[in-house]
Amino acid sequence: MSSMKARWQIASLVVVAVATIVVIVESPSNEPVYQGKRLSYWFRQYAQQTPQMSEATNAFVHLGGQAVPYLVRVLERPIGPWQRAYNFAWGLLPKSQSKKLTLPNWRDGARY
């Protein structure tokens, strides 16, 4: 009987954990939106120098002061160890291979 009770408790905890994750992931962001896309999308387009760079610039201009808190948060975020490892490995690749991958995040100006 206690094994059945333990299973129910574990199942309940799993359901609560999954529900919590869904709420966190799906919660509305306070990130500004331009043409149906979040500012993070436009920031990536600009940072990766995609063909949508000029549209990303338009997004920044259109959003104006709304974009500033988000951009400050992104730019102040430190580069993590995985990103540093990627930056280093990307720099070791031949140009023919590195151009197939996403550009590294050199935000702090350092070359690893």
N, C-alpha and C. Protein backbone atom coordinates (compact mmCIF):
# COMPACT_ATOMS: atom_id res chain seq x y z
N MET A 1 0.82 -1.19 0.00
CA MET A 1 0.00 0.00 0.00
C MET A 1 0.87 1.26 0.00
N SER A 2 1.93 1.28 0.79
CA SER A 2 2.80 2.46 0.86
C SER A 2 3.56 2.66 -0.45
N SER A 3 3.81 1.57 -1.20
CA SER A 3 4.50 1.72 -2.47
C SER A 3 3.57 2.41 -3.47
N MET A 4 2.29 2.14 -3.40
CA MET A 4 1.32 2.81 -4.28
C MET A 4 1.23 4.30 -3.92
N LYS A 5 1.26 4.61 -2.64
CA LYS A 5 1.20 5.99 -2.18
C LYS A 5 2.46 6.74 -2.64
N ALA A 6 3.61 6.09 -2.54
CA ALA A 6 4.87 6.70 -2.98
C ALA A 6 4.84 6.98 -4.48
N ARG A 7 4.27 6.07 -5.26
CA ARG A 7 4.16 6.28 -6.71
C ARG A 7 3.29 7.49 -7.02
N TRP A 8 2.19 7.63 -6.30
CA TRP A 8 1.31 8.77 -6.51
C TRP A 8 2.01 10.07 -6.14
N GLN A 9 2.78 10.03 -5.08
CA GLN A 9 3.51 11.24 -4.67
C GLN A 9 4.55 11.63 -5.71
N ILE A 10 5.25 10.63 -6.22
CA ILE A 10 6.26 10.90 -7.25
C ILE A 10 5.59 11.42 -8.52
N ALA A 11 4.50 10.77 -8.92
CA ALA A 11 3.77 11.21 -10.11
C ALA A 11 3.27 12.65 -9.94
N SER A 12 2.78 12.96 -8.74
CA SER A 12 2.29 14.32 -8.47
C SER A 12 3.42 15.33 -8.57
N LEU A 13 4.58 14.99 -8.02
CA LEU A 13 5.74 15.89 -8.09
C LEU A 13 6.18 16.12 -9.53
N VAL A 14 6.15 15.06 -10.33
CA VAL A 14 6.54 15.18 -11.74
C VAL A 14 5.57 16.10 -12.46
N VAL A 15 4.27 15.93 -12.23
CA VAL A 15 3.27 16.78 -12.87
C VAL A 15 3.46 18.24 -12.47
N VAL A 16 3.69 18.49 -11.20
CA VAL A 16 3.91 19.86 -10.72
C VAL A 16 5.17 20.45 -11.34
N ALA A 17 6.24 19.66 -11.42
CA ALA A 17 7.50 20.14 -12.01
C ALA A 17 7.31 20.49 -13.48
N VAL A 18 6.63 19.62 -14.23
CA VAL A 18 6.40 19.87 -15.66
C VAL A 18 5.52 21.12 -15.84
N ALA A 19 4.49 21.23 -15.02
CA ALA A 19 3.61 22.41 -15.11
C ALA A 19 4.39 23.69 -14.81
N THR A 20 5.26 23.65 -13.83
CA THR A 20 6.07 24.82 -13.49
C THR A 20 6.98 25.20 -14.64
N ILE A 21 7.61 24.23 -15.26
CA ILE A 21 8.50 24.49 -16.40
C ILE A 21 7.70 25.10 -17.56
N VAL A 22 6.52 24.56 -17.83
CA VAL A 22 5.70 25.08 -18.92
C VAL A 22 5.31 26.53 -18.64
N VAL A 23 4.93 26.83 -17.42
CA VAL A 23 4.55 28.20 -17.06
C VAL A 23 5.73 29.14 -17.22
N ILE A 24 6.90 28.72 -16.80
CA ILE A 24 8.09 29.58 -16.91
C ILE A 24 8.46 29.81 -18.37
N VAL A 25 8.47 28.75 -19.16
CA VAL A 25 8.87 28.85 -20.56
C VAL A 25 7.85 29.64 -21.38
N GLU A 26 6.58 29.40 -21.12
CA GLU A 26 5.53 30.03 -21.92
C GLU A 26 5.04 31.36 -21.38
N SER A 27 5.59 31.82 -20.28
CA SER A 27 5.13 33.08 -19.71
C SER A 27 5.46 34.22 -20.66
N PRO A 28 4.56 35.19 -20.74
CA PRO A 28 4.82 36.30 -21.66
C PRO A 28 6.06 37.09 -21.24
N SER A 29 6.84 37.45 -22.21
CA SER A 29 8.07 38.19 -21.95
C SER A 29 7.78 39.68 -21.96
N ASN A 30 8.57 40.42 -21.23
CA ASN A 30 8.43 41.87 -21.29
C ASN A 30 9.33 42.45 -22.38
N GLU A 31 9.77 41.57 -23.25
CA GLU A 31 10.65 41.96 -24.34
C GLU A 31 9.83 42.67 -25.43
N PRO A 32 10.28 43.82 -25.92
CA PRO A 32 9.54 44.53 -26.97
C PRO A 32 9.43 43.70 -28.25
N VAL A 33 8.37 43.97 -29.01
CA VAL A 33 8.09 43.24 -30.25
C VAL A 33 7.97 44.23 -31.40
N TYR A 34 8.56 43.88 -32.54
CA TYR A 34 8.46 44.68 -33.75
C TYR A 34 8.09 43.74 -34.89
N GLN A 35 7.03 44.04 -35.61
CA GLN A 35 6.53 43.22 -36.71
C GLN A 35 6.35 41.76 -36.29
N GLY A 36 5.85 41.55 -35.08
CA GLY A 36 5.55 40.20 -34.60
C GLY A 36 6.75 39.40 -34.11
N LYS A 37 7.93 40.00 -34.12
CA LYS A 37 9.14 39.30 -33.68
C LYS A 37 9.74 40.03 -32.49
N ARG A 38 10.20 39.24 -31.53
CA ARG A 38 10.81 39.82 -30.33
C ARG A 38 12.12 40.52 -30.66
N LEU A 39 12.49 41.43 -29.78
CA LEU A 39 13.73 42.18 -29.97
C LEU A 39 14.94 41.24 -30.00
N SER A 40 14.89 40.13 -29.26
CA SER A 40 16.01 39.18 -29.28
C SER A 40 16.24 38.64 -30.70
N TYR A 41 15.16 38.44 -31.46
CA TYR A 41 15.30 37.99 -32.85
C TYR A 41 16.05 39.04 -33.66
N TRP A 42 15.60 40.30 -33.53
CA TRP A 42 16.24 41.36 -34.29
C TRP A 42 17.68 41.56 -33.86
N PHE A 43 17.95 41.41 -32.58
CA PHE A 43 19.32 41.54 -32.07
C PHE A 43 20.23 40.49 -32.70
N ARG A 44 19.73 39.23 -32.76
CA ARG A 44 20.52 38.15 -33.38
C ARG A 44 20.77 38.44 -34.86
N GLN A 45 19.74 38.94 -35.57
CA GLN A 45 19.91 39.24 -37.00
C GLN A 45 21.01 40.29 -37.20
N TYR A 46 21.00 41.27 -36.34
CA TYR A 46 22.00 42.32 -36.45
C TYR A 46 23.39 41.81 -36.06
N ALA A 47 23.46 41.09 -34.94
CA ALA A 47 24.75 40.61 -34.44
C ALA A 47 25.40 39.60 -35.39
N GLN A 48 24.57 38.80 -36.06
CA GLN A 48 25.12 37.79 -36.97
C GLN A 48 25.27 38.31 -38.40
N GLN A 49 25.01 39.57 -38.58
CA GLN A 49 25.17 40.23 -39.89
C GLN A 49 24.42 39.50 -41.00
N THR A 50 23.17 39.18 -40.73
CA THR A 50 22.33 38.50 -41.72
C THR A 50 21.79 39.53 -42.70
N PRO A 51 21.16 39.06 -43.77
CA PRO A 51 20.55 40.00 -44.72
C PRO A 51 19.46 40.88 -44.09
N GLN A 52 18.94 40.48 -42.94
CA GLN A 52 17.91 41.27 -42.26
C GLN A 52 18.50 42.34 -41.35
N MET A 53 19.79 42.62 -41.48
CA MET A 53 20.43 43.63 -40.63
C MET A 53 19.75 44.99 -40.73
N SER A 54 19.41 45.41 -41.94
CA SER A 54 18.79 46.73 -42.09
C SER A 54 17.40 46.74 -41.45
N GLU A 55 16.68 45.64 -41.56
CA GLU A 55 15.37 45.55 -40.91
C GLU A 55 15.53 45.54 -39.39
N ALA A 56 16.61 44.92 -38.91
CA ALA A 56 16.89 44.92 -37.47
C ALA A 56 17.17 46.35 -37.00
N THR A 57 17.90 47.10 -37.81
CA THR A 57 18.16 48.50 -37.47
C THR A 57 16.84 49.27 -37.40
N ASN A 58 15.95 49.00 -38.35
CA ASN A 58 14.63 49.63 -38.31
C ASN A 58 13.88 49.27 -37.03
N ALA A 59 14.02 48.01 -36.60
CA ALA A 59 13.36 47.57 -35.37
C ALA A 59 13.88 48.36 -34.18
N PHE A 60 15.20 48.53 -34.10
CA PHE A 60 15.79 49.30 -32.99
C PHE A 60 15.29 50.74 -33.00
N VAL A 61 15.25 51.34 -34.20
CA VAL A 61 14.80 52.73 -34.32
C VAL A 61 13.32 52.84 -33.94
N HIS A 62 12.52 51.91 -34.44
CA HIS A 62 11.08 51.94 -34.16
C HIS A 62 10.80 51.74 -32.67
N LEU A 63 11.50 50.82 -32.04
CA LEU A 63 11.25 50.52 -30.63
C LEU A 63 11.85 51.59 -29.71
N GLY A 64 12.88 52.25 -30.18
CA GLY A 64 13.47 53.36 -29.43
C GLY A 64 13.80 53.01 -27.99
N GLY A 65 13.30 53.79 -27.07
CA GLY A 65 13.60 53.63 -25.65
C GLY A 65 13.11 52.32 -25.05
N GLN A 66 12.11 51.71 -25.68
CA GLN A 66 11.62 50.41 -25.19
C GLN A 66 12.70 49.34 -25.28
N ALA A 67 13.59 49.48 -26.26
CA ALA A 67 14.62 48.47 -26.51
C ALA A 67 15.79 48.58 -25.54
N VAL A 68 16.00 49.73 -24.96
CA VAL A 68 17.20 49.98 -24.17
C VAL A 68 17.35 49.02 -22.98
N PRO A 69 16.34 48.83 -22.12
CA PRO A 69 16.54 47.93 -20.98
C PRO A 69 16.92 46.51 -21.41
N TYR A 70 16.28 46.01 -22.47
CA TYR A 70 16.61 44.67 -22.95
C TYR A 70 18.05 44.62 -23.47
N LEU A 71 18.42 45.60 -24.29
CA LEU A 71 19.77 45.59 -24.86
C LEU A 71 20.84 45.72 -23.78
N VAL A 72 20.59 46.52 -22.78
CA VAL A 72 21.55 46.66 -21.67
C VAL A 72 21.70 45.32 -20.96
N ARG A 73 20.57 44.64 -20.69
CA ARG A 73 20.63 43.33 -20.02
C ARG A 73 21.44 42.33 -20.84
N VAL A 74 21.22 42.31 -22.15
CA VAL A 74 21.92 41.36 -23.02
C VAL A 74 23.42 41.68 -23.06
N LEU A 75 23.74 42.95 -23.20
CA LEU A 75 25.14 43.33 -23.34
C LEU A 75 25.92 43.20 -22.03
N GLU A 76 25.23 43.27 -20.90
CA GLU A 76 25.91 43.12 -19.61
C GLU A 76 26.06 41.66 -19.20
N ARG A 77 25.33 40.77 -19.85
CA ARG A 77 25.40 39.35 -19.52
C ARG A 77 26.79 38.81 -19.85
N PRO A 78 27.44 38.17 -18.89
CA PRO A 78 28.79 37.65 -19.17
C PRO A 78 28.74 36.47 -20.14
N ILE A 79 29.83 36.30 -20.85
CA ILE A 79 29.93 35.16 -21.76
C ILE A 79 30.30 33.94 -20.93
N GLY A 80 29.51 32.89 -21.09
CA GLY A 80 29.70 31.67 -20.31
C GLY A 80 30.83 30.80 -20.84
N PRO A 81 31.16 29.76 -20.09
CA PRO A 81 32.27 28.89 -20.49
C PRO A 81 32.02 28.15 -21.80
N TRP A 82 30.76 27.78 -22.07
CA TRP A 82 30.48 27.08 -23.34
C TRP A 82 30.68 28.01 -24.52
N GLN A 83 30.27 29.27 -24.36
CA GLN A 83 30.46 30.24 -25.44
C GLN A 83 31.94 30.52 -25.66
N ARG A 84 32.70 30.61 -24.58
CA ARG A 84 34.15 30.82 -24.71
C ARG A 84 34.82 29.65 -25.44
N ALA A 85 34.38 28.42 -25.10
CA ALA A 85 34.94 27.23 -25.76
C ALA A 85 34.59 27.25 -27.25
N TYR A 86 33.34 27.61 -27.57
CA TYR A 86 32.93 27.70 -28.97
C TYR A 86 33.75 28.76 -29.71
N ASN A 87 33.92 29.91 -29.09
CA ASN A 87 34.72 30.98 -29.71
C ASN A 87 36.13 30.50 -30.02
N PHE A 88 36.72 29.80 -29.05
CA PHE A 88 38.09 29.30 -29.22
C PHE A 88 38.14 28.28 -30.36
N ALA A 89 37.21 27.30 -30.33
CA ALA A 89 37.20 26.24 -31.35
C ALA A 89 36.92 26.83 -32.73
N TRP A 90 36.02 27.80 -32.82
CA TRP A 90 35.69 28.43 -34.09
C TRP A 90 36.92 29.10 -34.69
N GLY A 91 37.73 29.71 -33.83
CA GLY A 91 38.94 30.38 -34.31
C GLY A 91 39.99 29.42 -34.85
N LEU A 92 39.94 28.16 -34.45
CA LEU A 92 40.91 27.17 -34.91
C LEU A 92 40.52 26.52 -36.24
N LEU A 93 39.25 26.66 -36.62
CA LEU A 93 38.77 26.00 -37.84
C LEU A 93 39.28 26.71 -39.09
N PRO A 94 39.45 25.93 -40.17
CA PRO A 94 39.77 26.58 -41.45
C PRO A 94 38.59 27.48 -41.87
N LYS A 95 38.86 28.52 -42.62
CA LYS A 95 37.82 29.47 -43.03
C LYS A 95 36.67 28.78 -43.75
N SER A 96 36.99 27.78 -44.57
CA SER A 96 35.93 27.07 -45.31
C SER A 96 34.94 26.39 -44.37
N GLN A 97 35.39 25.98 -43.20
CA GLN A 97 34.50 25.33 -42.23
C GLN A 97 33.84 26.35 -41.31
N SER A 98 34.59 27.34 -40.86
CA SER A 98 34.04 28.29 -39.90
C SER A 98 32.92 29.13 -40.50
N LYS A 99 32.95 29.38 -41.82
CA LYS A 99 31.90 30.20 -42.42
C LYS A 99 30.56 29.46 -42.47
N LYS A 100 30.56 28.15 -42.25
CA LYS A 100 29.32 27.38 -42.22
C LYS A 100 28.64 27.44 -40.86
N LEU A 101 29.35 27.94 -39.87
CA LEU A 101 28.83 27.98 -38.50
C LEU A 101 28.43 29.39 -38.11
N THR A 102 27.67 29.47 -37.03
CA THR A 102 27.27 30.76 -36.47
C THR A 102 28.51 31.50 -35.99
N LEU A 103 28.54 32.80 -36.26
CA LEU A 103 29.66 33.61 -35.80
C LEU A 103 29.75 33.58 -34.28
N PRO A 104 30.96 33.54 -33.75
CA PRO A 104 31.12 33.56 -32.30
C PRO A 104 30.65 34.88 -31.70
N ASN A 105 30.42 34.85 -30.44
CA ASN A 105 30.01 36.04 -29.70
C ASN A 105 31.28 36.70 -29.16
N TRP A 106 31.74 37.74 -29.83
CA TRP A 106 32.95 38.45 -29.41
C TRP A 106 32.59 39.70 -28.61
N ARG A 107 31.46 39.72 -27.98
CA ARG A 107 30.92 40.90 -27.33
C ARG A 107 31.92 41.60 -26.41
N ASP A 108 32.74 40.84 -25.73
CA ASP A 108 33.66 41.50 -24.79
C ASP A 108 34.95 41.96 -25.48
N GLY A 109 35.03 41.79 -26.79
CA GLY A 109 36.18 42.29 -27.53
C GLY A 109 37.39 41.38 -27.49
N ALA A 110 37.33 40.32 -26.72
CA ALA A 110 38.49 39.43 -26.59
C ALA A 110 38.48 38.37 -27.68
N ARG A 111 39.61 38.01 -28.11
CA ARG A 111 39.79 36.88 -29.04
C ARG A 111 40.45 35.78 -28.23
N TYR A 112 39.86 34.62 -28.22
CA TYR A 112 40.34 33.56 -27.33
C TYR A 112 41.37 32.71 -28.01
